[in-house]
N, C-alpha and C. Protein backbone atom coordinates (compact mmCIF):
# COMPACT_ATOMS: atom_id res chain seq x y z
N MET A 1 21.54 -100.27 25.18
CA MET A 1 21.27 -99.79 23.83
C MET A 1 21.14 -100.98 22.90
N GLN A 2 20.19 -100.88 21.99
CA GLN A 2 20.07 -101.83 20.90
C GLN A 2 20.29 -101.05 19.61
N HIS A 3 20.84 -101.71 18.60
CA HIS A 3 21.03 -101.04 17.31
C HIS A 3 20.99 -102.07 16.19
N TRP A 4 20.68 -101.60 14.99
CA TRP A 4 20.52 -102.47 13.84
C TRP A 4 21.13 -101.83 12.61
N ASP A 5 21.73 -102.63 11.74
CA ASP A 5 22.17 -102.17 10.43
C ASP A 5 21.03 -102.52 9.47
N LEU A 6 20.21 -101.56 9.16
CA LEU A 6 18.99 -101.80 8.38
C LEU A 6 19.26 -102.28 6.96
N ASN A 7 20.47 -102.05 6.46
CA ASN A 7 20.80 -102.51 5.12
C ASN A 7 21.39 -103.92 5.10
N ALA A 8 21.69 -104.48 6.27
CA ALA A 8 22.29 -105.82 6.34
C ALA A 8 21.29 -106.91 6.73
N ILE A 9 20.13 -106.53 7.21
CA ILE A 9 19.14 -107.51 7.67
C ILE A 9 18.51 -108.20 6.47
N GLU A 10 18.48 -109.53 6.52
CA GLU A 10 17.92 -110.30 5.41
C GLU A 10 16.41 -110.48 5.57
N ALA A 11 15.71 -110.37 4.48
CA ALA A 11 14.27 -110.63 4.42
C ALA A 11 14.00 -111.16 3.02
N PRO A 12 14.40 -112.41 2.75
CA PRO A 12 14.37 -112.94 1.38
C PRO A 12 13.00 -113.04 0.74
N ASP A 13 11.93 -113.07 1.53
CA ASP A 13 10.60 -113.17 0.94
C ASP A 13 9.92 -111.81 0.81
N GLY A 14 10.69 -110.75 0.92
CA GLY A 14 10.14 -109.41 0.71
C GLY A 14 9.00 -109.10 1.64
N THR A 15 7.88 -108.66 1.10
CA THR A 15 6.75 -108.21 1.91
C THR A 15 6.17 -109.32 2.78
N ARG A 16 6.42 -110.57 2.43
CA ARG A 16 5.94 -111.69 3.24
C ARG A 16 6.89 -112.00 4.39
N ASP A 17 7.95 -111.23 4.53
CA ASP A 17 8.99 -111.51 5.51
C ASP A 17 9.39 -110.25 6.30
N PRO A 18 8.40 -109.51 6.86
CA PRO A 18 8.77 -108.31 7.62
C PRO A 18 9.56 -108.71 8.86
N VAL A 19 10.47 -107.84 9.29
CA VAL A 19 11.32 -108.11 10.44
C VAL A 19 10.96 -107.14 11.55
N VAL A 20 10.38 -107.66 12.65
CA VAL A 20 10.08 -106.82 13.80
C VAL A 20 11.40 -106.59 14.54
N LEU A 21 11.86 -105.36 14.56
CA LEU A 21 13.13 -105.03 15.19
C LEU A 21 12.97 -104.83 16.69
N ALA A 22 11.90 -104.16 17.08
CA ALA A 22 11.66 -103.88 18.49
C ALA A 22 10.16 -103.68 18.68
N SER A 23 9.67 -104.12 19.84
CA SER A 23 8.26 -103.97 20.13
C SER A 23 8.10 -103.77 21.63
N ALA A 24 7.39 -102.72 21.99
CA ALA A 24 7.12 -102.41 23.39
C ALA A 24 5.75 -101.76 23.46
N ASP A 25 5.26 -101.50 24.66
CA ASP A 25 3.94 -100.89 24.80
C ASP A 25 3.84 -99.56 24.05
N GLY A 26 4.93 -98.82 23.94
CA GLY A 26 4.87 -97.51 23.32
C GLY A 26 4.98 -97.50 21.81
N GLY A 27 5.58 -98.52 21.21
CA GLY A 27 5.76 -98.50 19.78
C GLY A 27 6.36 -99.78 19.25
N ARG A 28 6.36 -99.89 17.94
CA ARG A 28 6.92 -101.06 17.27
C ARG A 28 7.67 -100.57 16.04
N ALA A 29 8.87 -101.14 15.81
CA ALA A 29 9.67 -100.83 14.63
C ALA A 29 9.77 -102.08 13.78
N VAL A 30 9.45 -101.93 12.50
CA VAL A 30 9.43 -103.06 11.58
C VAL A 30 10.18 -102.68 10.30
N LEU A 31 11.10 -103.55 9.88
CA LEU A 31 11.79 -103.37 8.61
C LEU A 31 11.05 -104.20 7.56
N ILE A 32 10.71 -103.56 6.46
CA ILE A 32 10.03 -104.26 5.37
C ILE A 32 10.87 -104.08 4.11
N VAL A 33 11.20 -105.20 3.48
CA VAL A 33 11.94 -105.17 2.23
C VAL A 33 10.94 -105.40 1.10
N LEU A 34 10.89 -104.45 0.18
CA LEU A 34 10.04 -104.58 -1.01
C LEU A 34 10.93 -104.99 -2.16
N GLN A 35 10.72 -106.17 -2.69
CA GLN A 35 11.47 -106.58 -3.87
C GLN A 35 10.88 -105.87 -5.08
N ALA A 36 11.63 -105.84 -6.17
CA ALA A 36 11.17 -105.15 -7.38
C ALA A 36 9.75 -105.60 -7.73
N GLY A 37 8.86 -104.62 -7.88
CA GLY A 37 7.48 -104.89 -8.25
C GLY A 37 6.55 -105.21 -7.08
N GLN A 38 7.08 -105.35 -5.87
CA GLN A 38 6.22 -105.64 -4.72
C GLN A 38 5.56 -104.38 -4.20
N GLN A 39 4.44 -104.61 -3.48
CA GLN A 39 3.72 -103.49 -2.91
C GLN A 39 3.03 -103.89 -1.62
N LEU A 40 2.74 -102.90 -0.82
CA LEU A 40 1.83 -103.03 0.31
C LEU A 40 0.56 -102.36 -0.21
N GLY A 41 -0.39 -103.16 -0.65
CA GLY A 41 -1.61 -102.63 -1.26
C GLY A 41 -2.38 -101.73 -0.32
N ASP A 42 -3.43 -101.14 -0.82
CA ASP A 42 -4.25 -100.20 -0.06
C ASP A 42 -4.65 -100.82 1.27
N HIS A 43 -4.23 -100.18 2.36
CA HIS A 43 -4.48 -100.70 3.70
C HIS A 43 -4.47 -99.56 4.72
N GLN A 44 -4.79 -99.90 5.94
CA GLN A 44 -4.74 -98.94 7.04
C GLN A 44 -4.32 -99.69 8.29
N VAL A 45 -3.77 -98.96 9.25
CA VAL A 45 -3.42 -99.54 10.55
C VAL A 45 -4.07 -98.72 11.65
N LYS A 46 -4.18 -99.29 12.82
CA LYS A 46 -4.83 -98.63 13.95
C LYS A 46 -3.93 -97.59 14.61
N GLU A 47 -2.63 -97.70 14.37
CA GLU A 47 -1.66 -96.81 15.01
C GLU A 47 -1.28 -95.66 14.07
N ARG A 48 -0.66 -94.62 14.63
CA ARG A 48 0.01 -93.63 13.77
C ARG A 48 1.20 -94.37 13.18
N ALA A 49 1.47 -94.17 11.91
CA ALA A 49 2.58 -94.85 11.25
C ALA A 49 3.55 -93.83 10.68
N TRP A 50 4.84 -94.09 10.92
CA TRP A 50 5.91 -93.32 10.30
C TRP A 50 6.66 -94.27 9.38
N LEU A 51 6.90 -93.87 8.16
CA LEU A 51 7.59 -94.68 7.17
C LEU A 51 8.83 -93.93 6.72
N VAL A 52 9.99 -94.59 6.81
CA VAL A 52 11.25 -94.00 6.38
C VAL A 52 11.83 -94.88 5.27
N VAL A 53 12.19 -94.28 4.16
CA VAL A 53 12.82 -95.03 3.07
C VAL A 53 14.31 -95.13 3.40
N VAL A 54 14.77 -96.37 3.60
CA VAL A 54 16.15 -96.65 3.99
C VAL A 54 17.03 -96.90 2.76
N ALA A 55 16.47 -97.58 1.76
CA ALA A 55 17.20 -97.88 0.53
C ALA A 55 16.19 -97.97 -0.61
N GLY A 56 16.64 -97.64 -1.82
CA GLY A 56 15.75 -97.72 -2.98
C GLY A 56 14.76 -96.57 -3.02
N SER A 57 13.63 -96.82 -3.67
CA SER A 57 12.59 -95.79 -3.76
C SER A 57 11.22 -96.46 -3.80
N VAL A 58 10.22 -95.71 -3.36
CA VAL A 58 8.84 -96.19 -3.33
C VAL A 58 7.90 -95.11 -3.83
N ALA A 59 6.73 -95.53 -4.26
CA ALA A 59 5.64 -94.61 -4.56
C ALA A 59 4.63 -94.79 -3.44
N ILE A 60 4.29 -93.71 -2.77
CA ILE A 60 3.34 -93.74 -1.66
C ILE A 60 2.09 -93.01 -2.11
N GLU A 61 0.93 -93.65 -1.91
CA GLU A 61 -0.34 -93.01 -2.25
C GLU A 61 -1.24 -92.99 -1.04
N SER A 62 -1.90 -91.85 -0.84
CA SER A 62 -2.85 -91.69 0.26
C SER A 62 -3.77 -90.51 -0.05
N GLY A 63 -5.06 -90.73 0.10
CA GLY A 63 -6.03 -89.64 -0.08
C GLY A 63 -5.93 -88.94 -1.41
N GLY A 64 -5.63 -89.68 -2.48
CA GLY A 64 -5.53 -89.08 -3.81
C GLY A 64 -4.21 -88.41 -4.09
N GLU A 65 -3.30 -88.39 -3.13
CA GLU A 65 -1.97 -87.79 -3.31
C GLU A 65 -0.95 -88.90 -3.53
N ARG A 66 0.01 -88.65 -4.40
CA ARG A 66 1.10 -89.60 -4.65
C ARG A 66 2.42 -88.89 -4.45
N VAL A 67 3.34 -89.58 -3.75
CA VAL A 67 4.68 -89.07 -3.53
C VAL A 67 5.67 -90.12 -4.00
N ASP A 68 6.61 -89.72 -4.84
CA ASP A 68 7.72 -90.59 -5.22
C ASP A 68 8.82 -90.33 -4.20
N ALA A 69 9.11 -91.33 -3.38
CA ALA A 69 9.96 -91.15 -2.21
C ALA A 69 11.26 -91.94 -2.34
N GLY A 70 12.37 -91.24 -2.19
CA GLY A 70 13.68 -91.86 -2.24
C GLY A 70 14.29 -91.97 -0.85
N VAL A 71 15.53 -92.41 -0.81
CA VAL A 71 16.25 -92.60 0.45
C VAL A 71 16.20 -91.32 1.28
N GLY A 72 15.86 -91.49 2.54
CA GLY A 72 15.81 -90.36 3.46
C GLY A 72 14.44 -89.73 3.59
N THR A 73 13.48 -90.16 2.79
CA THR A 73 12.13 -89.61 2.88
C THR A 73 11.41 -90.17 4.10
N LEU A 74 10.72 -89.29 4.81
CA LEU A 74 9.87 -89.66 5.95
C LEU A 74 8.44 -89.29 5.61
N ALA A 75 7.54 -90.25 5.76
CA ALA A 75 6.11 -89.99 5.57
C ALA A 75 5.40 -90.45 6.83
N THR A 76 4.30 -89.81 7.16
CA THR A 76 3.52 -90.23 8.33
C THR A 76 2.05 -90.33 7.94
N PHE A 77 1.36 -91.25 8.61
CA PHE A 77 -0.06 -91.49 8.35
C PHE A 77 -0.81 -91.47 9.67
N GLU A 78 -1.98 -90.85 9.66
CA GLU A 78 -2.86 -90.84 10.83
C GLU A 78 -3.37 -92.26 11.09
N PRO A 79 -3.75 -92.58 12.32
CA PRO A 79 -4.39 -93.87 12.56
C PRO A 79 -5.63 -94.00 11.66
N GLY A 80 -5.74 -95.12 10.98
CA GLY A 80 -6.89 -95.37 10.11
C GLY A 80 -6.77 -94.78 8.72
N GLU A 81 -5.72 -94.02 8.43
CA GLU A 81 -5.56 -93.42 7.10
C GLU A 81 -5.17 -94.50 6.08
N ARG A 82 -5.95 -94.60 5.02
CA ARG A 82 -5.67 -95.60 3.99
C ARG A 82 -4.50 -95.12 3.14
N HIS A 83 -3.62 -96.06 2.80
CA HIS A 83 -2.46 -95.72 1.99
C HIS A 83 -1.92 -96.99 1.32
N SER A 84 -1.07 -96.80 0.33
CA SER A 84 -0.39 -97.91 -0.33
C SER A 84 1.05 -97.51 -0.59
N VAL A 85 1.91 -98.52 -0.67
CA VAL A 85 3.33 -98.30 -0.91
C VAL A 85 3.77 -99.34 -1.92
N ARG A 86 4.44 -98.89 -2.98
CA ARG A 86 4.92 -99.84 -3.98
C ARG A 86 6.31 -99.43 -4.44
N SER A 87 7.07 -100.42 -4.90
CA SER A 87 8.41 -100.14 -5.40
C SER A 87 8.63 -100.85 -6.73
N ALA A 88 8.98 -100.10 -7.74
CA ALA A 88 9.25 -100.68 -9.06
C ALA A 88 10.58 -101.43 -9.07
N ASP A 89 11.57 -100.90 -8.36
CA ASP A 89 12.93 -101.45 -8.43
C ASP A 89 13.41 -102.08 -7.13
N GLY A 90 12.60 -102.06 -6.08
CA GLY A 90 12.99 -102.61 -4.79
C GLY A 90 13.35 -101.50 -3.80
N ALA A 91 13.09 -101.77 -2.53
CA ALA A 91 13.36 -100.77 -1.49
C ALA A 91 13.37 -101.43 -0.12
N ARG A 92 13.92 -100.71 0.84
CA ARG A 92 13.85 -101.08 2.25
C ARG A 92 13.18 -99.91 2.96
N ILE A 93 12.15 -100.23 3.75
CA ILE A 93 11.48 -99.18 4.51
C ILE A 93 11.43 -99.56 5.98
N LEU A 94 11.58 -98.57 6.81
CA LEU A 94 11.43 -98.73 8.25
C LEU A 94 10.07 -98.17 8.60
N LEU A 95 9.26 -98.99 9.26
CA LEU A 95 7.92 -98.59 9.67
C LEU A 95 7.90 -98.53 11.19
N ILE A 96 7.47 -97.41 11.72
CA ILE A 96 7.34 -97.25 13.17
C ILE A 96 5.87 -97.00 13.47
N LEU A 97 5.30 -97.83 14.34
CA LEU A 97 3.89 -97.73 14.73
C LEU A 97 3.80 -97.32 16.19
N ALA A 98 2.97 -96.32 16.48
CA ALA A 98 2.83 -95.87 17.86
C ALA A 98 1.46 -95.25 18.07
N PRO A 99 0.86 -95.43 19.23
CA PRO A 99 1.34 -96.34 20.28
C PRO A 99 1.11 -97.78 19.83
N TRP A 100 1.83 -98.69 20.44
CA TRP A 100 1.69 -100.10 20.07
C TRP A 100 1.15 -100.88 21.24
N PRO A 101 0.15 -101.72 21.05
CA PRO A 101 -0.75 -101.73 19.89
C PRO A 101 -1.74 -100.59 20.00
N GLY A 102 -2.19 -100.08 18.86
CA GLY A 102 -3.18 -99.01 18.85
C GLY A 102 -4.54 -99.52 19.28
N GLU A 103 -5.37 -98.59 19.71
CA GLU A 103 -6.72 -98.95 20.16
C GLU A 103 -7.46 -99.67 19.05
N GLY A 104 -7.99 -100.85 19.36
CA GLY A 104 -8.73 -101.64 18.39
C GLY A 104 -7.86 -102.49 17.48
N HIS A 105 -6.55 -102.54 17.74
CA HIS A 105 -5.66 -103.31 16.87
C HIS A 105 -6.02 -104.78 16.84
N TYR A 106 -6.28 -105.34 18.00
CA TYR A 106 -6.59 -106.77 18.07
C TYR A 106 -8.09 -106.97 17.99
N ARG A 107 -8.51 -107.88 17.13
CA ARG A 107 -9.93 -108.17 16.98
C ARG A 107 -10.39 -109.12 18.07
N GLY A 108 -11.70 -109.16 18.26
CA GLY A 108 -12.26 -110.06 19.27
C GLY A 108 -12.55 -109.32 20.55
N GLY A 109 -13.23 -109.99 21.47
CA GLY A 109 -13.60 -109.36 22.73
C GLY A 109 -12.43 -109.29 23.69
N GLY A 110 -12.61 -108.51 24.71
CA GLY A 110 -11.61 -108.42 25.78
C GLY A 110 -10.57 -107.37 25.49
N ALA A 111 -9.63 -107.29 26.41
CA ALA A 111 -8.56 -106.29 26.33
C ALA A 111 -7.56 -106.67 25.24
N ALA A 112 -6.86 -105.68 24.76
CA ALA A 112 -5.84 -105.91 23.75
C ALA A 112 -4.69 -106.71 24.35
N LEU A 113 -4.15 -107.59 23.55
CA LEU A 113 -2.98 -108.34 23.97
C LEU A 113 -1.77 -107.44 23.94
N ARG A 114 -0.87 -107.66 24.83
CA ARG A 114 0.38 -106.88 24.85
C ARG A 114 1.54 -107.77 24.45
N PRO A 115 2.51 -107.20 23.69
CA PRO A 115 3.65 -108.02 23.32
C PRO A 115 4.39 -108.50 24.55
N GLY A 116 4.99 -109.68 24.45
CA GLY A 116 5.69 -110.26 25.59
C GLY A 116 7.10 -109.84 25.73
């Protein structure tokens, strides 16, 4: 068993300092700390994404819908679904991507690279 205290992990550079907690062929778990005023601008990923608010609060936007999400909120996005996440006061979010890596995740020719 592996386990993590998501509120004790340091990520002093906020969005520039995501912490990959676990990565395997089936999925990847990443802790992202949003400092006050930081955001993950409009983007998309190749995998299905699950986002859990661990601490603080965030505003999530996707497809013209906005959700103000506090601790305990779970949101999910389809592969390729554009979305943004921002926090006025700071937050910790757990992001789970599956399958990992998603089809087309790695650019360039050849087969997708697999985590080691």
